[in-house]
Protein backbone atom coordinates (compact mmCIF):
# COMPACT_ATOMS: atom_id res chain seq x y z
CA MET A 1 131.01 53.40 79.01
CA GLY A 2 131.77 50.05 80.01
CA ALA A 3 130.71 46.45 79.99
CA ASP A 4 126.99 46.04 81.07
CA GLY A 5 125.56 43.30 83.36
CA ARG A 6 125.72 40.84 80.54
CA GLY A 7 129.22 41.37 79.37
CA GLY A 8 128.58 43.57 76.72
CA THR A 9 130.40 46.67 75.62
CA PRO A 10 129.59 49.80 73.77
CA TRP A 11 131.02 48.29 70.49
CA THR A 12 129.21 44.88 70.87
CA ARG A 13 125.74 45.59 72.25
CA GLY A 14 123.29 47.60 70.13
CA ARG A 15 123.86 45.64 66.93
CA VAL A 16 120.24 45.26 66.15
CA LEU A 17 120.20 49.22 66.15
CA ALA A 18 123.26 49.39 64.04
CA SER A 19 121.55 46.91 61.56
CA GLY A 20 118.47 49.48 61.51
CA SER A 21 120.70 52.47 60.59
CA VAL A 22 122.22 50.33 57.70
CA LEU A 23 118.80 49.33 56.47
CA VAL A 24 117.66 52.99 56.61
CA ALA A 25 120.85 54.07 54.59
CA GLY A 26 120.17 51.41 52.25
CA LEU A 27 116.63 52.38 51.61
CA LEU A 28 117.77 56.06 50.87
CA VAL A 29 120.56 55.26 48.45
CA PHE A 30 118.90 52.15 46.87
CA HIS A 31 115.32 53.22 46.71
CA ALA A 32 115.08 52.60 43.11
CA ALA A 33 116.02 48.99 43.68
CA VAL A 34 112.69 48.34 45.81
CA PRO A 35 110.44 46.66 43.52
CA ASN A 36 106.81 47.72 42.30
CA THR A 37 105.65 44.37 41.94
CA VAL A 38 104.00 43.93 45.06
CA GLY A 39 101.78 46.92 45.93
CA ASN A 40 103.94 49.48 44.21
CA LEU A 41 106.00 49.45 47.52
CA GLY A 42 108.91 51.25 45.58
CA SER A 43 106.60 54.14 44.39
CA LEU A 44 105.28 54.42 47.79
CA LEU A 45 108.82 54.59 49.39
CA GLU A 46 109.92 57.16 47.00
CA THR A 47 106.65 59.38 47.60
CA PHE A 48 107.66 60.05 51.18
CA LEU A 49 111.63 59.46 50.93
CA PRO A 50 112.87 62.73 52.67
CA TRP A 51 111.08 61.71 55.54
CA LEU A 52 113.23 58.69 56.31
CA GLY A 53 115.63 61.58 57.60
CA LEU A 54 113.53 61.43 60.77
CA ALA A 55 114.85 57.89 61.76
CA VAL A 56 118.12 59.52 62.30
CA PRO A 57 117.38 61.28 65.55
CA VAL A 58 115.40 58.32 66.55
CA LEU A 59 118.15 55.99 66.11
CA LEU A 60 120.74 58.20 67.80
CA CYS A 61 118.43 58.53 70.82
CA LEU A 62 118.11 54.82 70.99
CA ALA A 63 121.60 54.27 70.67
CA THR A 64 122.29 56.76 73.51
CA LEU A 65 119.73 55.03 75.61
CA ARG A 66 121.30 51.63 74.92
CA ARG A 67 124.87 53.15 75.53
CA SER A 68 125.79 51.72 72.33
CA ALA A 69 128.82 53.16 70.32
CA ILE A 70 128.34 50.79 67.35
CA ALA A 71 124.72 51.99 66.97
CA ALA A 72 125.66 55.56 67.36
CA ALA A 73 128.55 55.26 64.87
CA ALA A 74 126.02 53.48 62.19
CA ALA A 75 123.59 56.14 62.68
CA VAL A 76 126.13 58.50 60.49
CA LEU A 77 125.28 56.16 57.39
CA PRO A 78 121.49 57.20 57.02
CA ALA A 79 122.51 60.83 57.97
CA ALA A 80 125.35 61.00 55.43
CA ALA A 81 122.90 59.37 52.82
CA TRP A 82 120.20 61.66 53.51
CA ILE A 83 122.50 64.71 53.37
CA ALA A 84 123.78 63.66 50.02
CA LEU A 85 120.24 63.15 48.38
CA PHE A 86 118.55 66.51 50.04
CA GLY A 87 121.23 68.56 51.26
CA GLY A 88 121.35 70.46 48.29
CA LEU A 89 117.74 71.44 48.25
CA ALA A 90 118.17 74.58 50.62
CA PRO A 91 116.20 77.22 49.36
CA SER A 92 118.00 80.57 48.17
CA ALA A 93 117.40 83.69 50.07
CA ASP A 94 117.41 85.75 46.90
CA ARG A 95 114.37 85.30 44.59
CA GLY A 96 115.48 88.25 42.59
CA THR A 97 117.74 86.07 40.52
CA SER A 98 117.62 87.14 36.86
CA HIS A 99 114.65 85.47 35.16
CA ASP A 100 112.13 85.90 32.35
CA LEU A 101 109.03 84.49 33.67
CA THR A 102 107.21 83.99 36.88
CA VAL A 103 104.83 81.21 36.95
CA LEU A 104 102.16 80.03 39.34
CA GLN A 105 100.53 76.37 39.37
CA HIS A 106 97.78 75.56 42.00
CA ASN A 107 95.11 72.81 42.17
CA VAL A 108 92.51 74.94 43.49
CA SER A 109 90.25 71.79 44.54
CA ASP A 110 86.79 71.01 43.44
CA GLU A 111 85.65 71.15 47.03
CA ASN A 112 87.22 74.47 47.77
CA PRO A 113 84.74 76.67 49.98
CA ASP A 114 86.30 79.93 49.20
CA PRO A 115 87.18 80.16 45.39
CA ALA A 116 86.85 84.09 45.48
CA GLY A 117 89.39 84.21 48.27
CA THR A 118 91.61 81.80 46.52
CA ALA A 119 91.39 83.85 43.32
CA ARG A 120 92.44 87.06 45.48
CA ALA A 121 95.29 85.04 46.68
CA LEU A 122 96.47 84.24 43.39
CA THR A 123 96.22 87.68 41.68
CA ARG A 124 98.52 89.13 44.35
CA ALA A 125 101.31 86.42 43.61
CA GLY A 126 102.39 88.69 40.33
CA ALA A 127 102.67 85.59 38.15
CA ASP A 128 103.07 86.01 34.52
CA LEU A 129 101.49 82.68 33.70
CA VAL A 130 98.84 80.95 36.22
CA ALA A 131 97.96 77.24 35.73
CA LEU A 132 94.91 76.04 37.49
CA GLU A 133 93.38 72.35 38.04
CA GLU A 134 90.18 71.05 39.51
CA LEU A 135 88.15 74.06 37.87
CA THR A 136 84.42 73.64 38.29
CA PRO A 137 81.77 75.03 36.13
CA ALA A 138 80.49 77.19 39.23
CA ALA A 139 84.04 78.41 40.28
CA LEU A 140 85.36 78.95 36.82
CA PRO A 141 83.70 82.74 36.44
CA VAL A 142 85.09 83.59 39.78
CA TYR A 143 88.85 82.99 38.67
CA GLU A 144 87.80 84.29 35.21
CA ALA A 145 86.76 87.68 36.69
CA ALA A 146 89.75 87.78 39.24
CA LEU A 147 92.46 87.14 37.01
CA ALA A 148 91.39 88.98 33.99
CA ALA A 149 92.89 92.40 34.67
CA ASP A 150 96.40 90.98 35.00
CA HIS A 151 96.07 88.04 32.60
CA PRO A 152 93.52 88.97 29.66
CA TYR A 153 94.55 85.68 27.83
CA ARG A 154 93.18 82.40 28.63
CA ALA A 155 92.65 78.87 27.81
CA VAL A 156 90.49 76.39 29.56
CA VAL A 157 90.10 72.81 28.69
CA GLY A 158 87.85 70.40 30.93
CA THR A 159 89.03 70.93 34.43
CA VAL A 160 92.43 72.74 33.91
CA GLY A 161 93.17 76.28 32.64
CA LEU A 162 95.98 78.63 31.89
CA TRP A 163 95.83 82.31 32.43
CA SER A 164 98.67 84.57 30.90
CA ARG A 165 99.96 88.09 30.61
CA TYR A 166 100.93 87.37 27.01
CA PRO A 167 98.75 86.13 24.03
CA LEU A 168 98.01 82.58 23.80
CA ALA A 169 97.71 80.63 20.66
CA ASP A 170 97.12 77.10 19.40
CA ALA A 171 95.53 76.15 22.62
CA ARG A 172 94.14 72.57 22.58
CA PRO A 173 93.54 69.55 24.78
CA VAL A 174 96.01 67.29 25.51
CA ASP A 175 94.55 63.70 26.14
CA ILE A 176 96.57 62.06 28.88
CA ARG A 177 93.55 59.56 29.87
CA PRO A 178 95.21 56.29 30.95
CA ASP A 179 93.54 52.96 29.56
CA GLY A 180 90.07 52.54 31.18
CA VAL A 181 89.02 55.95 31.55
CA GLU A 182 86.33 57.15 29.58
CA GLY A 183 83.82 59.80 28.89
CA ASP A 184 84.65 63.53 29.47
CA TRP A 185 87.74 62.96 31.50
CA SER A 186 89.84 66.21 30.24
CA ARG A 187 92.79 66.93 32.21
CA GLY A 188 95.45 68.30 30.02
CA LEU A 189 95.95 71.32 27.91
CA ARG A 190 98.97 72.73 25.49
CA SER A 191 99.03 76.49 24.54
CA THR A 192 101.73 78.49 22.78
CA VAL A 193 102.87 81.61 24.83
CA ARG A 194 103.75 84.56 22.87
CA ALA A 195 106.22 85.78 25.39
CA PRO A 196 108.63 88.89 24.87
CA SER A 197 111.45 86.58 24.23
CA GLY A 198 109.75 84.37 21.73
CA ASP A 199 107.12 81.54 21.29
CA LEU A 200 107.24 78.90 24.10
CA ALA A 201 104.98 75.87 24.60
CA VAL A 202 103.08 75.57 27.86
CA TYR A 203 101.31 72.42 29.13
CA VAL A 204 98.88 72.20 32.10
CA ALA A 205 98.39 68.83 33.32
CA HIS A 206 96.54 67.00 36.19
CA LEU A 207 97.37 63.30 36.55
CA PRO A 208 95.26 60.81 38.17
CA SER A 209 95.40 60.64 42.06
CA VAL A 210 96.81 57.95 43.92
CA ARG A 211 95.61 56.22 47.32
CA VAL A 212 97.47 54.01 49.93
CA ARG A 213 95.15 50.99 50.34
CA LEU A 214 95.36 47.64 52.06
CA ASP A 215 96.65 46.03 48.94
CA GLY A 216 99.17 48.75 48.32
CA PHE A 217 99.71 52.06 46.45
CA SER A 218 97.41 52.54 43.83
CA SER A 219 99.58 54.49 41.27
CA GLY A 220 99.06 52.36 37.96
CA ARG A 221 96.55 54.92 36.29
CA ARG A 222 99.02 57.80 37.31
CA ASP A 223 102.02 56.06 35.78
CA ALA A 224 100.06 55.36 32.57
CA SER A 225 99.08 58.95 32.18
CA ALA A 226 102.76 60.03 32.86
CA VAL A 227 103.89 57.85 30.10
CA VAL A 228 101.24 59.56 27.42
CA LEU A 229 102.24 62.78 28.85
CA GLY A 230 105.92 62.21 28.36
CA ARG A 231 105.20 61.13 24.80
CA ALA A 232 103.43 64.59 24.14
CA ILE A 233 106.10 66.64 25.48
CA ALA A 234 108.72 64.68 23.46
CA ALA A 235 106.60 65.30 20.31
CA GLU A 236 106.39 69.02 20.92
CA LYS A 237 107.92 71.02 17.90
CA LEU A 238 108.74 74.17 19.95
CA ASP A 239 112.08 74.11 21.84
CA THR A 240 111.00 75.67 25.05
CA VAL A 241 108.36 74.03 26.76
CA ILE A 242 107.02 74.75 30.59
CA LEU A 243 104.90 72.24 32.11
CA LEU A 244 102.85 73.06 35.16
CA GLY A 245 100.60 70.71 37.12
CA ASP A 246 99.56 68.60 39.72
CA LEU A 247 101.35 65.46 38.80
CA ASN A 248 100.30 63.39 41.94
CA SER A 249 103.83 62.27 42.23
CA THR A 250 107.15 63.40 43.90
CA LEU A 251 110.25 63.83 41.81
CA ASP A 252 111.92 60.72 43.31
CA ASP A 253 108.87 58.64 42.26
CA ARG A 254 110.01 56.31 39.48
CA GLY A 255 106.35 56.57 38.26
CA LEU A 256 106.87 60.19 37.01
CA THR A 257 110.25 59.23 34.81
CA PRO A 258 108.49 59.35 31.52
CA VAL A 259 108.33 63.35 32.26
CA THR A 260 111.24 63.86 34.53
CA SER A 261 113.54 62.67 32.21
CA ARG A 262 112.56 65.09 29.57
CA MET A 263 112.40 68.06 31.73
CA ILE A 264 114.19 70.02 34.21
CA PRO A 265 112.24 70.49 37.53
CA ALA A 266 111.93 73.61 39.61
CA GLU A 267 113.16 71.68 42.95
CA GLU A 268 114.64 74.30 45.24
CA GLY A 269 113.53 73.66 48.74
CA PHE A 270 111.64 70.59 49.63
CA GLY A 271 108.43 72.49 48.25
CA PHE A 272 105.87 70.13 50.17
CA SER A 273 102.56 71.23 48.69
CA TRP A 274 100.13 68.56 50.03
CA PRO A 275 98.04 68.14 51.94
CA ALA A 276 97.94 72.01 52.88
CA ALA A 277 97.30 71.55 56.29
CA PHE A 278 100.41 69.46 56.89
CA PRO A 279 102.36 69.36 53.80
CA LEU A 280 104.14 65.82 53.28
CA ALA A 281 104.84 65.80 49.62
CA ARG A 282 105.74 67.76 46.75
CA ILE A 283 103.11 66.62 44.07
CA ASP A 284 102.71 70.10 42.43
CA HIS A 285 105.48 70.79 39.88
CA VAL A 286 106.88 73.29 37.55
CA MET A 287 109.27 71.84 34.99
CA ALA A 288 110.99 73.32 31.83
CA ARG A 289 112.92 72.33 28.60
CA ALA A 290 115.26 74.31 27.06
CA ALA A 291 114.64 76.81 30.11
CA THR A 292 116.01 76.95 33.68
CA PRO A 293 113.83 77.27 36.82
CA THR A 294 116.05 79.57 39.16
CA SER A 295 113.93 79.45 42.14
CA THR A 296 110.62 77.99 43.41
CA TRP A 297 108.56 78.36 46.67
CA THR A 298 105.27 77.74 47.81
CA LEU A 299 102.63 80.24 48.62
CA PRO A 300 100.38 80.33 51.78
CA ALA A 301 97.33 78.36 52.10
CA THR A 302 93.95 79.06 50.29
CA GLY A 303 90.78 77.08 50.51
CA SER A 304 92.36 74.19 48.56
CA ASP A 305 93.80 71.11 50.00
CA HIS A 306 97.05 71.99 48.05
CA LEU A 307 99.43 74.87 48.41
CA PRO A 308 100.24 77.07 45.54
CA VAL A 309 103.58 76.67 43.82
CA ALA A 310 105.37 79.44 42.29
CA ALA A 311 108.71 79.54 40.42
CA ARG A 312 110.74 82.15 38.43
CA ILE A 313 112.19 80.84 34.97
CA ARG A 314 115.14 81.91 32.93
CA LEU A 315 114.53 81.52 29.13
């Protein structure tokens, strides 16, 4: 590649493209430095952070069209940053890794047109613990009937529930309401599971939804709820804790730090769980304390707008 008609060379033209690569790499590596003071832009970036990797092939194509060596070389920076952040998430081919529990988390959607079909899909998963969110009074009996045979123990609080193969004790609500939310808003529970290896505390939570609006990313209530949930987990007296829930947040999102700083998340693979039709983000989670998630995966779509998420846990 020689000089172009304006005297440019492969190493002098394409500097704007090269600057774009540096910017993308900087956003990947230093995403925590993007402030939330204006429209919660930092959290919005972190919610979809893995998708910044799509900029790399675009930048390489543009560098080729521009015949720019400097732009092509600069594209290595975001590629390397993306691999460093997400290259280790490749799912394991072996889900038979030694484990003590298989758990299942699913936001079944309060607008689910087929709760019976969803219930049948959940029973086929073979999980020891099943956590559900967005339960409605009309659909609850459907899930109870379908899960009862293999999961005779259950605890339901408000719109969240836990079904278990093993006895449950001390089930109670966990108030994760952010300030300003009144009434019968009840989206958290805690129960002791009498597992064969010993007692463990299981939390089921559904944090407030977020929205992308003209004035930015509305995550304030979710962030406040995450703080309350983090405090509840920190105060838990049992050593072993499992958290199952729709947290309306990705693991990269700083808004979830009050929870992720206290737990080990199941993060094998990308695990995008929402929206079910074209998953873009992992917002449905399995986490543990004093236990190790050994593998995790999403199940096929049900009548919900979320995908079910399963994980194996070693106690």
